[in-house]
């Protein structure tokens, strides 16, 4: 993480800026669940969901 960027939990909610909400696709949810399971967590956290959302934007 770059020193100039804030941690995700310290940033403002992006919904407030755009007024829209974005949901993960079914494949994005599955990707987040796989990442969580690989890390030993029972369900995805914020970082897993952010990673999955970023991957789906690239496609």
PDB file of N, CA and C in Angstrom:
ATOM      1  N   UNK A   1       0.842  -1.171   0.000  1.00  0.00           N
ATOM      2  CA  UNK A   1       0.000   0.000   0.000  1.00  0.00           C
ATOM      3  C   UNK A   1       0.892   1.240   0.000  1.00  0.00           C
ATOM      4  N   UNK A   2       0.585   2.168  -0.859  1.00  0.00           N
ATOM      5  CA  UNK A   2       1.357   3.392  -0.923  1.00  0.00           C
ATOM      6  C   UNK A   2       1.114   4.234   0.328  1.00  0.00           C
ATOM      7  N   UNK A   3       2.107   4.997   0.712  1.00  0.00           N
ATOM      8  CA  UNK A   3       2.012   5.787   1.933  1.00  0.00           C
ATOM      9  C   UNK A   3       0.965   6.904   1.827  1.00  0.00           C
ATOM     10  N   UNK A   4       0.694   7.385   0.625  1.00  0.00           N
ATOM     11  CA  UNK A   4      -0.227   8.502   0.467  1.00  0.00           C
ATOM     12  C   UNK A   4      -1.693   8.071   0.465  1.00  0.00           C
ATOM     13  N   UNK A   5      -1.958   6.797   0.251  1.00  0.00           N
ATOM     14  CA  UNK A   5      -3.340   6.333   0.208  1.00  0.00           C
ATOM     15  C   UNK A   5      -3.833   5.971   1.596  1.00  0.00           C
ATOM     16  N   UNK A   6      -5.108   6.241   1.847  1.00  0.00           N
ATOM     17  CA  UNK A   6      -5.722   5.864   3.113  1.00  0.00           C
ATOM     18  C   UNK A   6      -6.156   4.405   3.053  1.00  0.00           C
ATOM     19  N   UNK A   7      -6.269   3.796   4.195  1.00  0.00           N
ATOM     20  CA  UNK A   7      -6.780   2.433   4.269  1.00  0.00           C
ATOM     21  C   UNK A   7      -8.243   2.437   3.819  1.00  0.00           C
ATOM     22  N   UNK A   8      -8.729   1.346   3.235  1.00  0.00           N
ATOM     23  CA  UNK A   8     -10.104   1.320   2.720  1.00  0.00           C
ATOM     24  C   UNK A   8     -11.154   1.661   3.776  1.00  0.00           C
ATOM     25  N   UNK A   9     -10.937   1.231   5.000  1.00  0.00           N
ATOM     26  CA  UNK A   9     -11.929   1.480   6.049  1.00  0.00           C
ATOM     27  C   UNK A   9     -11.867   2.911   6.574  1.00  0.00           C
ATOM     28  N   UNK A  10     -10.880   3.706   6.128  1.00  0.00           N
ATOM     29  CA  UNK A  10     -10.798   5.113   6.529  1.00  0.00           C
ATOM     30  C   UNK A  10     -11.250   6.055   5.412  1.00  0.00           C
ATOM     31  N   UNK A  11     -11.574   5.509   4.247  1.00  0.00           N
ATOM     32  CA  UNK A  11     -12.030   6.323   3.127  1.00  0.00           C
ATOM     33  C   UNK A  11     -13.537   6.555   3.212  1.00  0.00           C
ATOM     34  N   UNK A  12     -13.995   7.574   2.506  1.00  0.00           N
ATOM     35  CA  UNK A  12     -15.428   7.850   2.426  1.00  0.00           C
ATOM     36  C   UNK A  12     -16.100   6.763   1.594  1.00  0.00           C
ATOM     37  N   UNK A  13     -17.364   6.553   1.855  1.00  0.00           N
ATOM     38  CA  UNK A  13     -18.139   5.579   1.115  1.00  0.00           C
ATOM     39  C   UNK A  13     -18.276   6.042  -0.334  1.00  0.00           C
ATOM     40  N   UNK A  14     -17.916   5.218  -1.325  1.00  0.00           N
ATOM     41  CA  UNK A  14     -18.007   5.655  -2.720  1.00  0.00           C
ATOM     42  C   UNK A  14     -19.442   5.931  -3.164  1.00  0.00           C
ATOM     43  N   UNK A  15     -20.418   5.316  -2.511  1.00  0.00           N
ATOM     44  CA  UNK A  15     -21.821   5.555  -2.856  1.00  0.00           C
ATOM     45  C   UNK A  15     -22.171   7.022  -2.662  1.00  0.00           C
ATOM     46  N   UNK A  16     -21.592   7.661  -1.655  1.00  0.00           N
ATOM     47  CA  UNK A  16     -21.878   9.058  -1.386  1.00  0.00           C
ATOM     48  C   UNK A  16     -21.390   9.946  -2.523  1.00  0.00           C
ATOM     49  N   UNK A  17     -20.311   9.563  -3.162  1.00  0.00           N
ATOM     50  CA  UNK A  17     -19.736  10.382  -4.224  1.00  0.00           C
ATOM     51  C   UNK A  17     -20.517  10.249  -5.529  1.00  0.00           C
ATOM     52  N   UNK A  18     -20.920   9.023  -5.874  1.00  0.00           N
ATOM     53  CA  UNK A  18     -21.565   8.795  -7.164  1.00  0.00           C
ATOM     54  C   UNK A  18     -23.077   8.727  -7.079  1.00  0.00           C
ATOM     55  N   UNK A  19     -23.601   8.382  -5.910  1.00  0.00           N
ATOM     56  CA  UNK A  19     -25.036   8.233  -5.766  1.00  0.00           C
ATOM     57  C   UNK A  19     -25.549   6.893  -6.262  1.00  0.00           C
ATOM     58  N   UNK A  20     -24.652   6.028  -6.745  1.00  0.00           N
ATOM     59  CA  UNK A  20     -25.039   4.724  -7.271  1.00  0.00           C
ATOM     60  C   UNK A  20     -24.378   3.626  -6.452  1.00  0.00           C
ATOM     61  N   UNK A  21     -25.000   2.467  -6.425  1.00  0.00           N
ATOM     62  CA  UNK A  21     -24.377   1.313  -5.794  1.00  0.00           C
ATOM     63  C   UNK A  21     -23.993   0.318  -6.883  1.00  0.00           C
ATOM     64  N   UNK A  22     -22.944  -0.424  -6.639  1.00  0.00           N
ATOM     65  CA  UNK A  22     -22.483  -1.435  -7.583  1.00  0.00           C
ATOM     66  C   UNK A  22     -22.369  -2.749  -6.830  1.00  0.00           C
ATOM     67  N   UNK A  23     -22.974  -3.775  -7.377  1.00  0.00           N
ATOM     68  CA  UNK A  23     -22.952  -5.078  -6.743  1.00  0.00           C
ATOM     69  C   UNK A  23     -22.013  -6.007  -7.492  1.00  0.00           C
ATOM     70  N   UNK A  24     -21.425  -6.945  -6.772  1.00  0.00           N
ATOM     71  CA  UNK A  24     -20.571  -7.930  -7.407  1.00  0.00           C
ATOM     72  C   UNK A  24     -21.407  -8.887  -8.235  1.00  0.00           C
ATOM     73  N   UNK A  25     -20.844  -9.318  -9.348  1.00  0.00           N
ATOM     74  CA  UNK A  25     -21.506 -10.335 -10.156  1.00  0.00           C
ATOM     75  C   UNK A  25     -21.384 -11.676  -9.445  1.00  0.00           C
ATOM     76  N   UNK A  26     -22.043 -12.671  -9.961  1.00  0.00           N
ATOM     77  CA  UNK A  26     -21.980 -14.012  -9.372  1.00  0.00           C
ATOM     78  C   UNK A  26     -20.558 -14.532  -9.393  1.00  0.00           C
ATOM     79  N   UNK A  27     -19.846 -14.298 -10.490  1.00  0.00           N
ATOM     80  CA  UNK A  27     -18.459 -14.748 -10.572  1.00  0.00           C
ATOM     81  C   UNK A  27     -17.561 -13.951  -9.625  1.00  0.00           C
ATOM     82  N   UNK A  28     -17.871 -12.670  -9.428  1.00  0.00           N
ATOM     83  CA  UNK A  28     -17.111 -11.847  -8.487  1.00  0.00           C
ATOM     84  C   UNK A  28     -17.284 -12.329  -7.055  1.00  0.00           C
ATOM     85  N   UNK A  29     -18.515 -12.704  -6.711  1.00  0.00           N
ATOM     86  CA  UNK A  29     -18.784 -13.234  -5.377  1.00  0.00           C
ATOM     87  C   UNK A  29     -18.020 -14.540  -5.162  1.00  0.00           C
ATOM     88  N   UNK A  30     -18.025 -15.389  -6.185  1.00  0.00           N
ATOM     89  CA  UNK A  30     -17.313 -16.670  -6.086  1.00  0.00           C
ATOM     90  C   UNK A  30     -15.818 -16.438  -5.928  1.00  0.00           C
ATOM     91  N   UNK A  31     -15.282 -15.468  -6.651  1.00  0.00           N
ATOM     92  CA  UNK A  31     -13.860 -15.138  -6.553  1.00  0.00           C
ATOM     93  C   UNK A  31     -13.505 -14.654  -5.152  1.00  0.00           C
ATOM     94  N   UNK A  32     -14.347 -13.818  -4.584  1.00  0.00           N
ATOM     95  CA  UNK A  32     -14.117 -13.306  -3.227  1.00  0.00           C
ATOM     96  C   UNK A  32     -14.189 -14.442  -2.206  1.00  0.00           C
ATOM     97  N   UNK A  33     -15.128 -15.355  -2.389  1.00  0.00           N
ATOM     98  CA  UNK A  33     -15.260 -16.493  -1.476  1.00  0.00           C
ATOM     99  C   UNK A  33     -14.035 -17.397  -1.556  1.00  0.00           C
ATOM    100  N   UNK A  34     -13.525 -17.612  -2.776  1.00  0.00           N
ATOM    101  CA  UNK A  34     -12.315 -18.445  -2.937  1.00  0.00           C
ATOM    102  C   UNK A  34     -11.118 -17.798  -2.245  1.00  0.00           C
ATOM    103  N   UNK A  35     -10.969 -16.490  -2.408  1.00  0.00           N
ATOM    104  CA  UNK A  35      -9.852 -15.783  -1.781  1.00  0.00           C
ATOM    105  C   UNK A  35      -9.949 -15.862  -0.257  1.00  0.00           C
ATOM    106  N   UNK A  36     -11.149 -15.757   0.274  1.00  0.00           N
ATOM    107  CA  UNK A  36     -11.341 -15.840   1.722  1.00  0.00           C
ATOM    108  C   UNK A  36     -11.007 -17.240   2.225  1.00  0.00           C
ATOM    109  N   UNK A  37     -11.482 -18.235   1.500  1.00  0.00           N
ATOM    110  CA  UNK A  37     -11.228 -19.619   1.916  1.00  0.00           C
ATOM    111  C   UNK A  37      -9.731 -19.927   1.872  1.00  0.00           C
ATOM    112  N   UNK A  38      -9.060 -19.417   0.851  1.00  0.00           N
ATOM    113  CA  UNK A  38      -7.620 -19.631   0.716  1.00  0.00           C
ATOM    114  C   UNK A  38      -6.865 -18.990   1.882  1.00  0.00           C
ATOM    115  N   UNK A  39      -7.383 -17.876   2.390  1.00  0.00           N
ATOM    116  CA  UNK A  39      -6.754 -17.171   3.508  1.00  0.00           C
ATOM    117  C   UNK A  39      -7.202 -17.699   4.871  1.00  0.00           C
ATOM    118  N   UNK A  40      -8.103 -18.678   4.862  1.00  0.00           N
ATOM    119  CA  UNK A  40      -8.541 -19.286   6.120  1.00  0.00           C
ATOM    120  C   UNK A  40      -9.706 -18.588   6.794  1.00  0.00           C
ATOM    121  N   UNK A  41     -10.412 -17.735   6.049  1.00  0.00           N
ATOM    122  CA  UNK A  41     -11.572 -17.053   6.612  1.00  0.00           C
ATOM    123  C   UNK A  41     -12.845 -17.741   6.133  1.00  0.00           C
ATOM    124  N   UNK A  42     -13.893 -17.778   6.958  1.00  0.00           N
ATOM    125  CA  UNK A  42     -15.126 -18.459   6.558  1.00  0.00           C
ATOM    126  C   UNK A  42     -15.953 -17.682   5.529  1.00  0.00           C
ATOM    127  N   UNK A  43     -15.747 -16.384   5.425  1.00  0.00           N
ATOM    128  CA  UNK A  43     -16.491 -15.573   4.466  1.00  0.00           C
ATOM    129  C   UNK A  43     -15.622 -14.397   4.038  1.00  0.00           C
ATOM    130  N   UNK A  44     -15.914 -13.780   2.878  1.00  0.00           N
ATOM    131  CA  UNK A  44     -15.088 -12.686   2.359  1.00  0.00           C
ATOM    132  C   UNK A  44     -15.175 -11.424   3.206  1.00  0.00           C
ATOM    133  N   UNK A  45     -14.054 -10.716   3.294  1.00  0.00           N
ATOM    134  CA  UNK A  45     -14.036  -9.430   3.986  1.00  0.00           C
ATOM    135  C   UNK A  45     -13.968  -8.311   2.945  1.00  0.00           C
ATOM    136  N   UNK A  46     -13.825  -7.097   3.402  1.00  0.00           N
ATOM    137  CA  UNK A  46     -13.798  -5.932   2.522  1.00  0.00           C
ATOM    138  C   UNK A  46     -12.702  -6.035   1.464  1.00  0.00           C
ATOM    139  N   UNK A  47     -11.535  -6.488   1.874  1.00  0.00           N
ATOM    140  CA  UNK A  47     -10.404  -6.566   0.955  1.00  0.00           C
ATOM    141  C   UNK A  47     -10.669  -7.597  -0.137  1.00  0.00           C
ATOM    142  N   UNK A  48     -11.250  -8.743   0.206  1.00  0.00           N
ATOM    143  CA  UNK A  48     -11.600  -9.755  -0.795  1.00  0.00           C
ATOM    144  C   UNK A  48     -12.609  -9.198  -1.794  1.00  0.00           C
ATOM    145  N   UNK A  49     -13.608  -8.494  -1.290  1.00  0.00           N
ATOM    146  CA  UNK A  49     -14.627  -7.919  -2.167  1.00  0.00           C
ATOM    147  C   UNK A  49     -14.053  -6.833  -3.066  1.00  0.00           C
ATOM    148  N   UNK A  50     -13.149  -6.016  -2.530  1.00  0.00           N
ATOM    149  CA  UNK A  50     -12.520  -4.965  -3.341  1.00  0.00           C
ATOM    150  C   UNK A  50     -11.670  -5.579  -4.449  1.00  0.00           C
ATOM    151  N   UNK A  51     -10.941  -6.643  -4.121  1.00  0.00           N
ATOM    152  CA  UNK A  51     -10.115  -7.325  -5.114  1.00  0.00           C
ATOM    153  C   UNK A  51     -10.981  -7.906  -6.230  1.00  0.00           C
ATOM    154  N   UNK A  52     -12.093  -8.530  -5.865  1.00  0.00           N
ATOM    155  CA  UNK A  52     -12.992  -9.111  -6.853  1.00  0.00           C
ATOM    156  C   UNK A  52     -13.620  -8.028  -7.734  1.00  0.00           C
ATOM    157  N   UNK A  53     -13.986  -6.912  -7.144  1.00  0.00           N
ATOM    158  CA  UNK A  53     -14.568  -5.804  -7.919  1.00  0.00           C
ATOM    159  C   UNK A  53     -13.551  -5.223  -8.885  1.00  0.00           C
ATOM    160  N   UNK A  54     -12.316  -5.103  -8.439  1.00  0.00           N
ATOM    161  CA  UNK A  54     -11.265  -4.562  -9.309  1.00  0.00           C
ATOM    162  C   UNK A  54     -10.996  -5.496 -10.485  1.00  0.00           C
ATOM    163  N   UNK A  55     -11.009  -6.797 -10.238  1.00  0.00           N
ATOM    164  CA  UNK A  55     -10.799  -7.764 -11.306  1.00  0.00           C
ATOM    165  C   UNK A  55     -11.934  -7.719 -12.326  1.00  0.00           C
ATOM    166  N   UNK A  56     -13.167  -7.555 -11.852  1.00  0.00           N
ATOM    167  CA  UNK A  56     -14.298  -7.529 -12.767  1.00  0.00           C
ATOM    168  C   UNK A  56     -14.294  -6.252 -13.606  1.00  0.00           C
ATOM    169  N   UNK A  57     -13.734  -5.144 -13.096  1.00  0.00           N
ATOM    170  CA  UNK A  57     -13.618  -3.910 -13.877  1.00  0.00           C
ATOM    171  C   UNK A  57     -12.640  -4.067 -15.030  1.00  0.00           C
ATOM    172  N   UNK A  58     -11.577  -4.858 -14.800  1.00  0.00           N
ATOM    173  CA  UNK A  58     -10.540  -5.028 -15.823  1.00  0.00           C
ATOM    174  C   UNK A  58     -11.062  -5.797 -17.033  1.00  0.00           C
ATOM    175  N   UNK A  59     -12.049  -6.656 -16.830  1.00  0.00           N
ATOM    176  CA  UNK A  59     -12.553  -7.503 -17.939  1.00  0.00           C
ATOM    177  C   UNK A  59     -13.417  -6.761 -18.886  1.00  0.00           C
TER     178      UNK A  59
END
